[in-house]
Amino acid sequence: MKGRVQWYDLASQRGRLTTSAGRSLPFRLAESVGNIQGGDIVGFRVQSDGGQVQAVGLRIIQTCVDYLNDQERGLVNQFHSTVAIQP
């Protein structure tokens, strides 16, 4: 399956994602996935453990930054051309 990370807490290694079908699922990272952040697109499997359904086996498909660069390039360029960033 495929979804987008809503949030991830590095300290507890827990987070939540939204599937491509719009369902919200919790996840916990026991393995090293990399620098996962909110907005990242991930692949995963769904597992039921004691009645609770959760996402397992997460792998990053596309980071949020890469998604914005690929899909929203016009918007990013417009933002940079209209906002003066002060040093």
Protein backbone atom coordinates (compact mmCIF):
# COMPACT_ATOMS: atom_id res chain seq x y z
CA MET A 1 0.00 0.00 0.00
CA LYS A 2 0.93 3.64 -0.29
CA GLY A 3 0.30 6.65 1.97
CA ARG A 4 1.56 9.95 3.35
CA VAL A 5 3.10 10.46 6.80
CA GLN A 6 0.99 12.84 8.92
CA TRP A 7 3.51 13.08 11.75
CA TYR A 8 6.41 11.16 13.27
CA ASP A 9 7.99 11.49 16.73
CA LEU A 10 11.64 10.41 16.67
CA ALA A 11 11.87 9.96 20.47
CA SER A 12 9.04 7.40 20.67
CA GLN A 13 9.49 6.11 17.10
CA ARG A 14 5.72 6.38 16.65
CA GLY A 15 3.71 8.19 14.04
CA ARG A 16 0.56 8.27 11.97
CA LEU A 17 -0.04 8.10 8.24
CA THR A 18 -2.95 8.49 5.85
CA THR A 19 -3.43 5.79 3.23
CA SER A 20 -4.16 6.62 -0.39
CA ALA A 21 -7.76 5.56 0.39
CA GLY A 22 -7.98 8.18 3.18
CA ARG A 23 -7.69 5.85 6.19
CA SER A 24 -5.56 6.97 9.13
CA LEU A 25 -3.21 4.33 10.59
CA PRO A 26 -0.65 4.37 13.41
CA PHE A 27 2.85 3.01 12.92
CA ARG A 28 5.95 2.36 14.97
CA LEU A 29 9.41 2.15 13.46
CA ALA A 30 11.41 -0.68 14.93
CA GLU A 31 13.87 -0.67 12.05
CA SER A 32 15.88 2.16 10.55
CA VAL A 33 13.90 3.68 7.70
CA GLY A 34 15.96 6.82 7.33
CA ASN A 35 15.04 10.38 8.05
CA ILE A 36 11.24 10.04 7.86
CA GLN A 37 9.23 13.23 8.24
CA GLY A 38 5.68 14.47 7.96
CA GLY A 39 4.58 14.74 4.34
CA ASP A 40 6.79 11.92 3.08
CA ILE A 41 5.14 9.36 0.80
CA VAL A 42 5.73 5.82 2.06
CA GLY A 43 4.98 2.26 1.08
CA PHE A 44 3.83 -0.16 3.80
CA ARG A 45 1.86 -3.28 4.71
CA VAL A 46 -1.17 -3.39 6.99
CA GLN A 47 -1.03 -5.72 9.99
CA SER A 48 -3.62 -6.50 12.65
CA ASP A 49 -2.15 -7.07 16.10
CA GLY A 50 -4.59 -7.85 18.89
CA GLY A 51 -7.43 -6.10 17.14
CA GLN A 52 -5.46 -2.92 16.36
CA VAL A 53 -4.65 -2.33 12.71
CA GLN A 54 -1.34 -0.62 12.02
CA ALA A 55 1.10 0.07 9.21
CA VAL A 56 4.32 -1.99 9.22
CA GLY A 57 7.36 -2.35 6.98
CA LEU A 58 7.51 1.32 6.03
CA ARG A 59 9.82 2.40 3.22
CA ILE A 60 10.21 5.91 1.87
CA ILE A 61 9.00 6.26 -1.71
CA GLN A 62 9.39 10.02 -2.00
CA THR A 63 10.30 12.69 0.53
CA CYS A 64 8.04 15.68 1.02
CA VAL A 65 10.73 18.01 -0.35
CA ASP A 66 11.15 15.91 -3.50
CA TYR A 67 7.36 15.79 -3.95
CA LEU A 68 7.13 19.57 -3.77
CA ASN A 69 10.01 19.94 -6.20
CA ASP A 70 8.39 17.52 -8.69
CA GLN A 71 4.69 18.34 -8.37
CA GLU A 72 4.53 21.92 -7.18
CA ARG A 73 7.52 23.51 -8.91
CA GLY A 74 5.43 26.43 -10.23
CA LEU A 75 4.09 27.18 -6.76
CA VAL A 76 7.56 26.97 -5.20
CA ASN A 77 8.98 29.30 -7.87
CA GLN A 78 6.11 31.75 -7.34
CA PHE A 79 6.71 31.70 -3.57
CA HIS A 80 10.42 32.39 -3.98
CA SER A 81 9.80 35.22 -6.44
CA THR A 82 7.25 36.98 -4.21
CA VAL A 83 8.85 36.55 -0.77
CA ALA A 84 11.98 38.43 0.16
CA ILE A 85 13.97 36.32 2.61
CA GLN A 86 16.01 38.47 4.99
CA PRO A 87 19.48 37.22 6.02
